[in-house]
Amino acid sequence: MNKQQAAKSFAALSEPARVNIVTCISRNPKITATDLMKKLHIPQSTLSHHLKILVASGLIQAEKNKRWTNYTINTDVADKMAAFLDALK
């Protein structure tokens, strides 16, 4: 992971709400936005804003499934972030 990619990925997690969203997605793979709203008790517009940032960073993936979009953690990016942090030791 280069410095620019690392900065983009870590910046996406600079907001506590996005950390909560990523945590929820990691515990509920293929969760929909509707289910995220119910679990996290946040408005749709706020969730949509945060999901857009997380998808753009590559940290989560959005997969269209007919009428719904399912969200999952992009394990490749998460693994690269972990390796980046490990290299700082």
N, C-alpha and C. Protein backbone atom coordinates (compact mmCIF):
# COMPACT_ATOMS: atom_id res chain seq x y z
N MET A 1 0.85 -1.17 0.00
CA MET A 1 0.00 0.00 0.00
C MET A 1 0.90 1.23 0.00
N ASN A 2 0.72 2.09 -1.00
CA ASN A 2 1.53 3.30 -1.04
C ASN A 2 0.97 4.35 -0.07
N LYS A 3 1.71 5.42 0.12
CA LYS A 3 1.33 6.43 1.11
C LYS A 3 0.00 7.09 0.78
N GLN A 4 -0.25 7.33 -0.50
CA GLN A 4 -1.50 7.98 -0.91
C GLN A 4 -2.70 7.07 -0.63
N GLN A 5 -2.57 5.78 -0.95
CA GLN A 5 -3.65 4.83 -0.68
C GLN A 5 -3.88 4.71 0.82
N ALA A 6 -2.80 4.66 1.58
CA ALA A 6 -2.91 4.56 3.04
C ALA A 6 -3.64 5.77 3.60
N ALA A 7 -3.26 6.95 3.14
CA ALA A 7 -3.90 8.18 3.63
C ALA A 7 -5.39 8.18 3.32
N LYS A 8 -5.77 7.75 2.13
CA LYS A 8 -7.18 7.72 1.74
C LYS A 8 -7.97 6.72 2.59
N SER A 9 -7.40 5.55 2.80
CA SER A 9 -8.08 4.52 3.59
C SER A 9 -8.22 4.93 5.05
N PHE A 10 -7.15 5.45 5.62
CA PHE A 10 -7.20 5.84 7.03
C PHE A 10 -8.06 7.09 7.23
N ALA A 11 -8.07 7.99 6.25
CA ALA A 11 -8.92 9.19 6.34
C ALA A 11 -10.39 8.79 6.37
N ALA A 12 -10.73 7.73 5.65
CA ALA A 12 -12.12 7.27 5.65
C ALA A 12 -12.56 6.83 7.05
N LEU A 13 -11.61 6.43 7.87
CA LEU A 13 -11.93 5.99 9.23
C LEU A 13 -11.74 7.10 10.26
N SER A 14 -11.55 8.33 9.81
CA SER A 14 -11.32 9.44 10.73
C SER A 14 -12.60 9.92 11.41
N GLU A 15 -13.74 9.46 10.96
CA GLU A 15 -15.03 9.83 11.52
C GLU A 15 -15.57 8.65 12.35
N PRO A 16 -15.90 8.87 13.62
CA PRO A 16 -16.40 7.77 14.46
C PRO A 16 -17.60 7.03 13.87
N ALA A 17 -18.48 7.75 13.19
CA ALA A 17 -19.65 7.09 12.59
C ALA A 17 -19.22 6.06 11.55
N ARG A 18 -18.17 6.39 10.79
CA ARG A 18 -17.69 5.45 9.77
C ARG A 18 -17.01 4.25 10.41
N VAL A 19 -16.34 4.45 11.52
CA VAL A 19 -15.77 3.32 12.25
C VAL A 19 -16.89 2.39 12.71
N ASN A 20 -17.99 2.97 13.20
CA ASN A 20 -19.14 2.16 13.61
C ASN A 20 -19.73 1.40 12.43
N ILE A 21 -19.82 2.05 11.29
CA ILE A 21 -20.38 1.40 10.10
C ILE A 21 -19.49 0.23 9.67
N VAL A 22 -18.19 0.45 9.60
CA VAL A 22 -17.26 -0.61 9.20
C VAL A 22 -17.31 -1.76 10.19
N THR A 23 -17.38 -1.46 11.47
CA THR A 23 -17.48 -2.50 12.49
C THR A 23 -18.76 -3.32 12.30
N CYS A 24 -19.86 -2.64 12.06
CA CYS A 24 -21.13 -3.33 11.86
C CYS A 24 -21.08 -4.21 10.60
N ILE A 25 -20.51 -3.69 9.53
CA ILE A 25 -20.40 -4.48 8.29
C ILE A 25 -19.51 -5.70 8.51
N SER A 26 -18.44 -5.53 9.27
CA SER A 26 -17.54 -6.67 9.50
C SER A 26 -18.24 -7.78 10.29
N ARG A 27 -19.18 -7.41 11.13
CA ARG A 27 -19.91 -8.40 11.93
C ARG A 27 -21.15 -8.94 11.22
N ASN A 28 -21.57 -8.26 10.16
CA ASN A 28 -22.77 -8.64 9.42
C ASN A 28 -22.49 -8.58 7.92
N PRO A 29 -21.70 -9.52 7.41
CA PRO A 29 -21.36 -9.48 5.98
C PRO A 29 -22.60 -9.46 5.09
N LYS A 30 -22.50 -8.71 4.01
CA LYS A 30 -23.58 -8.57 3.03
C LYS A 30 -24.80 -7.88 3.62
N ILE A 31 -24.59 -6.94 4.52
CA ILE A 31 -25.67 -6.20 5.13
C ILE A 31 -26.16 -5.11 4.17
N THR A 32 -27.43 -4.79 4.24
CA THR A 32 -27.99 -3.73 3.40
C THR A 32 -27.99 -2.41 4.15
N ALA A 33 -28.17 -1.33 3.42
CA ALA A 33 -28.23 -0.01 4.04
C ALA A 33 -29.41 0.08 5.01
N THR A 34 -30.52 -0.52 4.66
CA THR A 34 -31.69 -0.51 5.54
C THR A 34 -31.37 -1.16 6.87
N ASP A 35 -30.69 -2.29 6.83
CA ASP A 35 -30.31 -2.97 8.07
C ASP A 35 -29.28 -2.17 8.85
N LEU A 36 -28.36 -1.52 8.15
CA LEU A 36 -27.38 -0.67 8.83
C LEU A 36 -28.08 0.49 9.56
N MET A 37 -29.05 1.11 8.89
CA MET A 37 -29.79 2.21 9.53
C MET A 37 -30.48 1.75 10.81
N LYS A 38 -31.08 0.56 10.75
CA LYS A 38 -31.78 0.03 11.92
C LYS A 38 -30.81 -0.28 13.06
N LYS A 39 -29.68 -0.90 12.72
CA LYS A 39 -28.72 -1.29 13.76
C LYS A 39 -28.00 -0.09 14.37
N LEU A 40 -27.71 0.91 13.55
CA LEU A 40 -26.90 2.05 14.01
C LEU A 40 -27.74 3.27 14.39
N HIS A 41 -29.02 3.23 14.07
CA HIS A 41 -29.94 4.33 14.42
C HIS A 41 -29.45 5.67 13.85
N ILE A 42 -29.15 5.66 12.54
CA ILE A 42 -28.75 6.90 11.88
C ILE A 42 -29.64 7.13 10.67
N PRO A 43 -29.85 8.39 10.30
CA PRO A 43 -30.70 8.70 9.15
C PRO A 43 -30.10 8.20 7.84
N GLN A 44 -30.97 7.96 6.88
CA GLN A 44 -30.56 7.43 5.58
C GLN A 44 -29.58 8.37 4.90
N SER A 45 -29.82 9.66 4.94
CA SER A 45 -28.93 10.60 4.25
C SER A 45 -27.52 10.59 4.86
N THR A 46 -27.44 10.48 6.17
CA THR A 46 -26.14 10.42 6.85
C THR A 46 -25.42 9.13 6.49
N LEU A 47 -26.15 8.03 6.53
CA LEU A 47 -25.55 6.73 6.19
C LEU A 47 -25.06 6.74 4.74
N SER A 48 -25.87 7.26 3.85
CA SER A 48 -25.50 7.31 2.44
C SER A 48 -24.20 8.10 2.24
N HIS A 49 -24.09 9.22 2.92
CA HIS A 49 -22.88 10.04 2.84
C HIS A 49 -21.65 9.25 3.28
N HIS A 50 -21.75 8.57 4.41
CA HIS A 50 -20.62 7.81 4.94
C HIS A 50 -20.29 6.60 4.08
N LEU A 51 -21.31 5.92 3.59
CA LEU A 51 -21.07 4.76 2.72
C LEU A 51 -20.34 5.18 1.44
N LYS A 52 -20.71 6.33 0.90
CA LYS A 52 -20.06 6.83 -0.31
C LYS A 52 -18.57 7.03 -0.08
N ILE A 53 -18.21 7.59 1.05
CA ILE A 53 -16.80 7.82 1.39
C ILE A 53 -16.07 6.49 1.59
N LEU A 54 -16.71 5.56 2.29
CA LEU A 54 -16.09 4.26 2.55
C LEU A 54 -15.89 3.44 1.27
N VAL A 55 -16.86 3.49 0.38
CA VAL A 55 -16.73 2.78 -0.90
C VAL A 55 -15.63 3.43 -1.74
N ALA A 56 -15.59 4.77 -1.78
CA ALA A 56 -14.57 5.48 -2.55
C ALA A 56 -13.17 5.19 -2.04
N SER A 57 -13.05 4.96 -0.74
CA SER A 57 -11.74 4.64 -0.16
C SER A 57 -11.31 3.21 -0.47
N GLY A 58 -12.27 2.40 -0.88
CA GLY A 58 -11.98 0.99 -1.17
C GLY A 58 -12.10 0.08 0.03
N LEU A 59 -12.39 0.65 1.19
CA LEU A 59 -12.45 -0.16 2.41
C LEU A 59 -13.66 -1.08 2.45
N ILE A 60 -14.76 -0.64 1.86
CA ILE A 60 -15.92 -1.53 1.75
C ILE A 60 -16.32 -1.64 0.28
N GLN A 61 -17.04 -2.71 -0.01
CA GLN A 61 -17.51 -2.96 -1.36
C GLN A 61 -19.03 -2.97 -1.36
N ALA A 62 -19.59 -2.42 -2.42
CA ALA A 62 -21.04 -2.41 -2.60
C ALA A 62 -21.37 -3.35 -3.74
N GLU A 63 -22.24 -4.31 -3.47
CA GLU A 63 -22.61 -5.31 -4.47
C GLU A 63 -24.12 -5.26 -4.69
N LYS A 64 -24.51 -4.88 -5.91
CA LYS A 64 -25.94 -4.83 -6.24
C LYS A 64 -26.49 -6.24 -6.30
N ASN A 65 -27.63 -6.44 -5.67
CA ASN A 65 -28.31 -7.73 -5.66
C ASN A 65 -29.78 -7.46 -5.93
N LYS A 66 -30.13 -7.44 -7.20
CA LYS A 66 -31.48 -7.09 -7.64
C LYS A 66 -31.84 -5.71 -7.14
N ARG A 67 -32.70 -5.63 -6.16
CA ARG A 67 -33.23 -4.36 -5.67
C ARG A 67 -32.36 -3.73 -4.57
N TRP A 68 -31.54 -4.53 -3.92
CA TRP A 68 -30.78 -4.08 -2.77
C TRP A 68 -29.29 -4.03 -3.08
N THR A 69 -28.57 -3.28 -2.26
CA THR A 69 -27.12 -3.26 -2.33
C THR A 69 -26.60 -3.85 -1.03
N ASN A 70 -25.72 -4.82 -1.16
CA ASN A 70 -25.11 -5.45 0.02
C ASN A 70 -23.70 -4.89 0.19
N TYR A 71 -23.34 -4.65 1.45
CA TYR A 71 -22.03 -4.08 1.76
C TYR A 71 -21.18 -5.11 2.49
N THR A 72 -19.92 -5.19 2.06
CA THR A 72 -18.95 -6.09 2.70
C THR A 72 -17.62 -5.36 2.85
N ILE A 73 -16.79 -5.87 3.74
CA ILE A 73 -15.45 -5.34 3.92
C ILE A 73 -14.59 -5.81 2.75
N ASN A 74 -13.80 -4.92 2.20
CA ASN A 74 -12.83 -5.31 1.18
C ASN A 74 -11.60 -5.82 1.93
N THR A 75 -11.50 -7.12 2.06
CA THR A 75 -10.43 -7.71 2.88
C THR A 75 -9.04 -7.41 2.32
N ASP A 76 -8.93 -7.21 1.01
CA ASP A 76 -7.62 -6.88 0.44
C ASP A 76 -7.13 -5.54 1.00
N VAL A 77 -7.99 -4.56 1.03
CA VAL A 77 -7.61 -3.24 1.54
C VAL A 77 -7.38 -3.31 3.05
N ALA A 78 -8.25 -4.01 3.76
CA ALA A 78 -8.09 -4.15 5.21
C ALA A 78 -6.76 -4.83 5.55
N ASP A 79 -6.41 -5.86 4.79
CA ASP A 79 -5.13 -6.55 5.01
C ASP A 79 -3.95 -5.63 4.73
N LYS A 80 -4.05 -4.81 3.68
CA LYS A 80 -2.97 -3.88 3.35
C LYS A 80 -2.83 -2.81 4.44
N MET A 81 -3.97 -2.37 5.01
CA MET A 81 -3.92 -1.40 6.10
C MET A 81 -3.24 -2.00 7.32
N ALA A 82 -3.57 -3.25 7.61
CA ALA A 82 -2.96 -3.93 8.75
C ALA A 82 -1.45 -4.10 8.52
N ALA A 83 -1.07 -4.47 7.32
CA ALA A 83 0.36 -4.64 7.00
C ALA A 83 1.09 -3.30 7.09
N PHE A 84 0.44 -2.22 6.65
CA PHE A 84 1.03 -0.90 6.75
C PHE A 84 1.31 -0.54 8.21
N LEU A 85 0.34 -0.81 9.08
CA LEU A 85 0.52 -0.53 10.51
C LEU A 85 1.59 -1.42 11.12
N ASP A 86 1.60 -2.68 10.73
CA ASP A 86 2.63 -3.61 11.24
C ASP A 86 4.03 -3.14 10.87
N ALA A 87 4.17 -2.55 9.70
CA ALA A 87 5.48 -2.09 9.24
C ALA A 87 5.99 -0.91 10.08
N LEU A 88 5.12 -0.27 10.82
CA LEU A 88 5.51 0.87 11.65
C LEU A 88 6.12 0.46 12.99
N LYS A 89 6.05 -0.82 13.30
CA LYS A 89 6.58 -1.30 14.59
C LYS A 89 8.08 -1.25 14.63
